[in-house]
């Protein structure tokens, strides 16, 4: 079986998966992510998925 962990997705699409900076400006377009602090670039959905995965890991560790 699998364990399902519900996490709050708030700001996961605006949070940089590299440095953690949350900024609306990190999303220049719907599809792109570019951090205004560290310059990290990624597909916006992939960046958000990394953030959700980290929240899940943090929730299970708690």
Protein backbone atom coordinates (compact mmCIF):
# COMPACT_ATOMS: atom_id res chain seq x y z
CA UNK A 1 0.00 0.00 0.00
CA UNK A 2 0.85 3.65 -0.24
CA UNK A 3 0.61 6.46 2.25
CA UNK A 4 -1.09 9.66 1.13
CA UNK A 5 -0.02 12.83 2.91
CA UNK A 6 -2.02 16.02 2.41
CA UNK A 7 0.12 19.16 2.25
CA UNK A 8 -0.73 22.84 1.92
CA UNK A 9 0.16 23.90 -1.62
CA UNK A 10 0.14 27.62 -0.75
CA UNK A 11 2.97 29.51 -2.49
CA UNK A 12 4.56 26.34 -3.90
CA UNK A 13 4.39 27.84 -7.39
CA UNK A 14 6.05 31.07 -6.20
CA UNK A 15 8.70 29.53 -3.90
CA UNK A 16 12.16 28.91 -5.33
CA UNK A 17 13.10 25.25 -4.96
CA UNK A 18 16.77 26.29 -4.82
CA UNK A 19 16.83 29.13 -2.26
CA UNK A 20 13.32 29.28 -0.78
CA UNK A 21 12.51 32.86 -1.83
CA UNK A 22 8.76 33.42 -2.28
CA UNK A 23 7.86 36.15 -4.75
CA UNK A 24 5.06 36.65 -7.26
CA UNK A 25 7.73 38.00 -9.62
CA UNK A 26 9.38 34.54 -9.68
CA UNK A 27 6.70 33.60 -12.25
CA UNK A 28 7.34 35.78 -15.33
CA UNK A 29 4.90 33.61 -17.29
CA UNK A 30 2.48 30.84 -16.39
CA UNK A 31 4.93 28.18 -17.62
CA UNK A 32 8.24 29.66 -16.45
CA UNK A 33 9.91 30.01 -13.06
CA UNK A 34 12.87 32.37 -12.59
CA UNK A 35 13.94 33.30 -9.06
CA UNK A 36 14.49 37.01 -8.55
CA UNK A 37 16.98 36.27 -5.73
CA UNK A 38 19.25 33.46 -6.93
CA UNK A 39 18.45 33.23 -10.65
CA UNK A 40 17.28 29.59 -10.51
CA UNK A 41 15.19 28.76 -13.59
CA UNK A 42 12.85 25.83 -14.11
CA UNK A 43 9.55 24.76 -15.54
CA UNK A 44 7.01 26.30 -13.16
CA UNK A 45 5.15 23.02 -12.59
CA UNK A 46 8.36 21.09 -11.88
CA UNK A 47 9.54 23.76 -9.42
CA UNK A 48 6.19 23.58 -7.58
CA UNK A 49 6.32 19.77 -7.55
CA UNK A 50 9.74 19.85 -5.84
CA UNK A 51 8.35 22.21 -3.21
CA UNK A 52 5.32 19.96 -2.60
CA UNK A 53 7.58 16.91 -2.30
CA UNK A 54 9.72 18.71 0.30
CA UNK A 55 6.64 19.71 2.31
CA UNK A 56 5.51 16.10 2.27
CA UNK A 57 8.91 14.93 3.50
CA UNK A 58 8.87 17.57 6.26
CA UNK A 59 5.35 16.50 7.30
CA UNK A 60 6.37 12.85 7.56
CA UNK A 61 9.50 13.71 9.54
CA UNK A 62 7.48 15.66 12.11
